[in-house]
Amino acid sequence: MSKYTVEFTRRANMQIRSIFSYIADDNKGAALRMVDMLEAKALQLEDTPFMGVPLLEEDYPLLPSGYRRLTIMSYNMYYRVEGQMVFITHIVHHRRNQGQALAE
């Protein structure tokens, strides 16, 4: 079975930096652990790209079809699979309005 290549979009990278900064204000070690956890989960997609829950178009009308979601602790990681590539597009805290965050 061939592996997929996982790539974080610019937006997702910015969101990871923001998550790190927010948590690091209280606890830098916890911030590092959270970022490591997010990156580890993303790397699992190299072998199992369809493990995330598919998003229903009626629930997320602003997104093109084919998006999936993984939940890691308090964060939702949104991604899409195109060919042999997995694009991580958004990482959003679960308390945020998900539709609004994805539209930004």
N, C-alpha and C. Protein backbone atom coordinates (compact mmCIF):
# COMPACT_ATOMS: atom_id res chain seq x y z
N MET A 1 0.85 -1.17 0.00
CA MET A 1 0.00 0.00 0.00
C MET A 1 0.90 1.24 0.00
N SER A 2 0.64 2.13 -0.92
CA SER A 2 1.47 3.33 -1.00
C SER A 2 1.00 4.36 0.02
N LYS A 3 1.96 5.08 0.56
CA LYS A 3 1.65 6.12 1.54
C LYS A 3 1.17 7.39 0.85
N TYR A 4 0.38 8.12 1.58
CA TYR A 4 -0.06 9.44 1.14
C TYR A 4 0.91 10.48 1.71
N THR A 5 0.96 11.62 1.09
CA THR A 5 1.78 12.73 1.58
C THR A 5 0.86 13.72 2.28
N VAL A 6 1.22 14.08 3.51
CA VAL A 6 0.42 15.02 4.30
C VAL A 6 1.07 16.39 4.23
N GLU A 7 0.25 17.39 3.95
CA GLU A 7 0.76 18.76 3.87
C GLU A 7 -0.20 19.69 4.62
N PHE A 8 0.38 20.53 5.47
CA PHE A 8 -0.39 21.56 6.17
C PHE A 8 -0.46 22.78 5.27
N THR A 9 -1.66 23.33 5.10
CA THR A 9 -1.78 24.57 4.35
C THR A 9 -1.21 25.72 5.19
N ARG A 10 -1.00 26.84 4.55
CA ARG A 10 -0.52 28.02 5.27
C ARG A 10 -1.45 28.38 6.42
N ARG A 11 -2.74 28.33 6.18
CA ARG A 11 -3.72 28.65 7.22
C ARG A 11 -3.58 27.69 8.40
N ALA A 12 -3.47 26.40 8.13
CA ALA A 12 -3.34 25.42 9.21
C ALA A 12 -2.06 25.64 10.00
N ASN A 13 -0.97 25.96 9.32
CA ASN A 13 0.28 26.26 10.02
C ASN A 13 0.12 27.48 10.92
N MET A 14 -0.57 28.50 10.44
CA MET A 14 -0.81 29.70 11.25
C MET A 14 -1.67 29.35 12.47
N GLN A 15 -2.65 28.48 12.28
CA GLN A 15 -3.51 28.08 13.38
C GLN A 15 -2.73 27.28 14.42
N ILE A 16 -1.81 26.43 13.99
CA ILE A 16 -0.97 25.68 14.94
C ILE A 16 -0.12 26.66 15.75
N ARG A 17 0.46 27.64 15.09
CA ARG A 17 1.27 28.63 15.82
C ARG A 17 0.41 29.40 16.83
N SER A 18 -0.81 29.72 16.44
CA SER A 18 -1.72 30.43 17.33
C SER A 18 -2.09 29.56 18.54
N ILE A 19 -2.36 28.29 18.29
CA ILE A 19 -2.68 27.35 19.38
C ILE A 19 -1.50 27.27 20.34
N PHE A 20 -0.30 27.12 19.78
CA PHE A 20 0.89 27.05 20.61
C PHE A 20 1.03 28.30 21.47
N SER A 21 0.92 29.47 20.86
CA SER A 21 1.09 30.73 21.59
C SER A 21 0.07 30.87 22.71
N TYR A 22 -1.18 30.52 22.41
CA TYR A 22 -2.25 30.65 23.40
C TYR A 22 -1.97 29.76 24.61
N ILE A 23 -1.63 28.49 24.36
CA ILE A 23 -1.39 27.56 25.46
C ILE A 23 -0.09 27.90 26.18
N ALA A 24 0.93 28.30 25.42
CA ALA A 24 2.25 28.59 26.00
C ALA A 24 2.21 29.77 26.97
N ASP A 25 1.23 30.64 26.84
CA ASP A 25 1.10 31.75 27.79
C ASP A 25 0.96 31.22 29.22
N ASP A 26 0.34 30.05 29.36
CA ASP A 26 0.17 29.42 30.68
C ASP A 26 1.17 28.30 30.94
N ASN A 27 1.51 27.55 29.88
CA ASN A 27 2.33 26.36 30.10
C ASN A 27 2.99 25.94 28.79
N LYS A 28 4.26 26.28 28.65
CA LYS A 28 4.97 25.99 27.41
C LYS A 28 5.07 24.48 27.14
N GLY A 29 5.26 23.70 28.17
CA GLY A 29 5.33 22.24 28.00
C GLY A 29 4.03 21.67 27.45
N ALA A 30 2.92 22.16 27.98
CA ALA A 30 1.61 21.71 27.49
C ALA A 30 1.41 22.13 26.04
N ALA A 31 1.89 23.31 25.70
CA ALA A 31 1.77 23.80 24.32
C ALA A 31 2.56 22.90 23.37
N LEU A 32 3.76 22.54 23.77
CA LEU A 32 4.58 21.64 22.93
C LEU A 32 3.91 20.28 22.77
N ARG A 33 3.35 19.75 23.87
CA ARG A 33 2.66 18.46 23.80
C ARG A 33 1.46 18.51 22.87
N MET A 34 0.70 19.62 22.92
CA MET A 34 -0.48 19.75 22.05
C MET A 34 -0.07 19.78 20.58
N VAL A 35 0.95 20.57 20.26
CA VAL A 35 1.41 20.65 18.88
C VAL A 35 1.93 19.28 18.42
N ASP A 36 2.67 18.59 19.28
CA ASP A 36 3.15 17.25 18.94
C ASP A 36 1.99 16.29 18.68
N MET A 37 0.95 16.39 19.50
CA MET A 37 -0.22 15.54 19.33
C MET A 37 -0.93 15.82 18.00
N LEU A 38 -1.09 17.09 17.67
CA LEU A 38 -1.74 17.46 16.40
C LEU A 38 -0.92 16.96 15.21
N GLU A 39 0.39 17.14 15.27
CA GLU A 39 1.24 16.70 14.17
C GLU A 39 1.28 15.17 14.06
N ALA A 40 1.28 14.48 15.19
CA ALA A 40 1.28 13.01 15.16
C ALA A 40 -0.01 12.47 14.53
N LYS A 41 -1.12 13.08 14.89
CA LYS A 41 -2.41 12.64 14.31
C LYS A 41 -2.43 12.90 12.81
N ALA A 42 -1.89 14.04 12.39
CA ALA A 42 -1.83 14.35 10.97
C ALA A 42 -0.98 13.31 10.23
N LEU A 43 0.13 12.91 10.83
CA LEU A 43 1.00 11.93 10.18
C LEU A 43 0.36 10.55 10.06
N GLN A 44 -0.60 10.24 10.92
CA GLN A 44 -1.34 8.98 10.78
C GLN A 44 -2.10 8.92 9.46
N LEU A 45 -2.41 10.09 8.93
CA LEU A 45 -3.15 10.15 7.67
C LEU A 45 -2.32 9.66 6.49
N GLU A 46 -1.00 9.55 6.65
CA GLU A 46 -0.16 8.99 5.59
C GLU A 46 -0.59 7.56 5.26
N ASP A 47 -1.00 6.82 6.28
CA ASP A 47 -1.40 5.42 6.10
C ASP A 47 -2.91 5.23 6.05
N THR A 48 -3.64 6.10 6.71
CA THR A 48 -5.10 5.94 6.79
C THR A 48 -5.79 7.28 6.52
N PRO A 49 -5.74 7.75 5.28
CA PRO A 49 -6.26 9.09 4.99
C PRO A 49 -7.77 9.25 5.12
N PHE A 50 -8.49 8.14 5.15
CA PHE A 50 -9.95 8.25 5.21
C PHE A 50 -10.49 7.93 6.60
N MET A 51 -9.64 8.02 7.61
CA MET A 51 -10.07 7.70 8.97
C MET A 51 -10.95 8.79 9.58
N GLY A 52 -10.89 9.99 9.08
CA GLY A 52 -11.71 11.08 9.62
C GLY A 52 -13.16 10.96 9.18
N VAL A 53 -14.02 11.61 9.92
CA VAL A 53 -15.45 11.62 9.63
C VAL A 53 -15.71 12.51 8.42
N PRO A 54 -16.40 12.00 7.39
CA PRO A 54 -16.72 12.87 6.24
C PRO A 54 -17.71 13.95 6.64
N LEU A 55 -17.51 15.15 6.14
CA LEU A 55 -18.43 16.25 6.42
C LEU A 55 -19.60 16.20 5.45
N LEU A 56 -20.79 16.42 5.98
CA LEU A 56 -21.98 16.44 5.14
C LEU A 56 -22.12 17.81 4.51
N GLU A 57 -22.40 17.83 3.23
CA GLU A 57 -22.51 19.10 2.51
C GLU A 57 -23.59 20.00 3.08
N GLU A 58 -24.69 19.42 3.58
CA GLU A 58 -25.75 20.26 4.12
C GLU A 58 -25.34 20.92 5.44
N ASP A 59 -24.38 20.32 6.17
CA ASP A 59 -23.90 20.92 7.40
C ASP A 59 -22.80 21.96 7.16
N TYR A 60 -22.08 21.81 6.05
CA TYR A 60 -20.96 22.70 5.72
C TYR A 60 -21.09 23.16 4.26
N PRO A 61 -22.09 23.97 3.97
CA PRO A 61 -22.37 24.33 2.57
C PRO A 61 -21.28 25.21 1.93
N LEU A 62 -20.45 25.86 2.73
CA LEU A 62 -19.42 26.74 2.16
C LEU A 62 -18.16 25.97 1.75
N LEU A 63 -18.06 24.72 2.17
CA LEU A 63 -16.88 23.92 1.81
C LEU A 63 -17.18 23.06 0.59
N PRO A 64 -16.18 22.87 -0.25
CA PRO A 64 -16.37 21.90 -1.34
C PRO A 64 -16.54 20.50 -0.75
N SER A 65 -17.14 19.61 -1.47
CA SER A 65 -17.33 18.25 -0.96
C SER A 65 -15.98 17.56 -0.81
N GLY A 66 -15.95 16.55 0.03
CA GLY A 66 -14.74 15.75 0.21
C GLY A 66 -13.94 16.06 1.45
N TYR A 67 -14.38 17.00 2.26
CA TYR A 67 -13.66 17.31 3.49
C TYR A 67 -13.97 16.27 4.56
N ARG A 68 -13.01 16.08 5.46
CA ARG A 68 -13.15 15.15 6.57
C ARG A 68 -12.68 15.86 7.84
N ARG A 69 -13.05 15.28 9.01
CA ARG A 69 -12.69 15.89 10.29
C ARG A 69 -12.17 14.84 11.26
N LEU A 70 -11.09 15.21 11.94
CA LEU A 70 -10.59 14.43 13.07
C LEU A 70 -10.68 15.29 14.31
N THR A 71 -10.98 14.68 15.45
CA THR A 71 -11.00 15.41 16.71
C THR A 71 -9.80 14.96 17.53
N ILE A 72 -9.00 15.94 17.96
CA ILE A 72 -7.82 15.71 18.77
C ILE A 72 -7.97 16.59 20.00
N MET A 73 -8.23 15.96 21.13
CA MET A 73 -8.48 16.70 22.38
C MET A 73 -9.58 17.73 22.13
N SER A 74 -9.26 19.01 22.27
CA SER A 74 -10.27 20.06 22.13
C SER A 74 -10.31 20.68 20.74
N TYR A 75 -9.64 20.07 19.78
CA TYR A 75 -9.51 20.66 18.45
C TYR A 75 -10.07 19.75 17.37
N ASN A 76 -10.65 20.38 16.37
CA ASN A 76 -11.09 19.67 15.17
C ASN A 76 -10.10 19.98 14.06
N MET A 77 -9.60 18.93 13.43
CA MET A 77 -8.67 19.07 12.31
C MET A 77 -9.44 18.74 11.04
N TYR A 78 -9.50 19.68 10.12
CA TYR A 78 -10.21 19.51 8.87
C TYR A 78 -9.21 19.28 7.75
N TYR A 79 -9.54 18.35 6.86
CA TYR A 79 -8.63 18.04 5.76
C TYR A 79 -9.39 17.48 4.58
N ARG A 80 -8.68 17.43 3.45
CA ARG A 80 -9.24 16.83 2.23
C ARG A 80 -8.15 15.98 1.59
N VAL A 81 -8.59 14.96 0.88
CA VAL A 81 -7.68 14.06 0.18
C VAL A 81 -7.83 14.32 -1.30
N GLU A 82 -6.70 14.58 -1.96
CA GLU A 82 -6.68 14.78 -3.41
C GLU A 82 -5.57 13.91 -3.98
N GLY A 83 -5.94 12.88 -4.71
CA GLY A 83 -4.95 11.94 -5.23
C GLY A 83 -4.21 11.29 -4.08
N GLN A 84 -2.89 11.38 -4.07
CA GLN A 84 -2.07 10.82 -3.00
C GLN A 84 -1.67 11.87 -1.96
N MET A 85 -2.34 13.02 -1.99
CA MET A 85 -2.04 14.11 -1.06
C MET A 85 -3.18 14.29 -0.05
N VAL A 86 -2.80 14.58 1.17
CA VAL A 86 -3.75 14.93 2.23
C VAL A 86 -3.41 16.37 2.63
N PHE A 87 -4.38 17.26 2.48
CA PHE A 87 -4.17 18.67 2.81
C PHE A 87 -4.91 18.99 4.11
N ILE A 88 -4.14 19.30 5.17
CA ILE A 88 -4.73 19.77 6.42
C ILE A 88 -5.01 21.25 6.21
N THR A 89 -6.29 21.62 6.29
CA THR A 89 -6.66 23.00 5.94
C THR A 89 -7.01 23.88 7.13
N HIS A 90 -7.57 23.29 8.19
CA HIS A 90 -8.01 24.08 9.35
C HIS A 90 -7.81 23.25 10.62
N ILE A 91 -7.48 23.94 11.70
CA ILE A 91 -7.46 23.33 13.03
C ILE A 91 -8.17 24.32 13.94
N VAL A 92 -9.34 23.90 14.44
CA VAL A 92 -10.26 24.82 15.11
C VAL A 92 -10.66 24.27 16.48
N HIS A 93 -10.58 25.10 17.51
CA HIS A 93 -11.02 24.69 18.85
C HIS A 93 -12.51 24.35 18.78
N HIS A 94 -12.89 23.29 19.50
CA HIS A 94 -14.28 22.81 19.39
C HIS A 94 -15.31 23.80 19.90
N ARG A 95 -14.93 24.76 20.72
CA ARG A 95 -15.90 25.74 21.22
C ARG A 95 -16.20 26.86 20.24
N ARG A 96 -15.38 26.97 19.21
CA ARG A 96 -15.63 28.00 18.19
C ARG A 96 -16.77 27.56 17.28
N ASN A 97 -17.40 28.51 16.65
CA ASN A 97 -18.40 28.21 15.63
C ASN A 97 -17.64 27.61 14.44
N GLN A 98 -17.83 26.32 14.20
CA GLN A 98 -17.05 25.61 13.20
C GLN A 98 -17.30 26.15 11.78
N GLY A 99 -18.55 26.37 11.44
CA GLY A 99 -18.87 26.88 10.11
C GLY A 99 -18.23 28.24 9.85
N GLN A 100 -18.29 29.11 10.85
CA GLN A 100 -17.70 30.44 10.72
C GLN A 100 -16.18 30.34 10.61
N ALA A 101 -15.57 29.49 11.41
CA ALA A 101 -14.11 29.34 11.37
C ALA A 101 -13.65 28.79 10.04
N LEU A 102 -14.42 27.89 9.46
CA LEU A 102 -14.04 27.32 8.16
C LEU A 102 -14.23 28.30 7.02
N ALA A 103 -15.12 29.25 7.21
CA ALA A 103 -15.38 30.24 6.17
C ALA A 103 -14.33 31.36 6.16
N GLU A 104 -13.57 31.49 7.23
CA GLU A 104 -12.58 32.56 7.34
C GLU A 104 -11.42 32.34 6.38
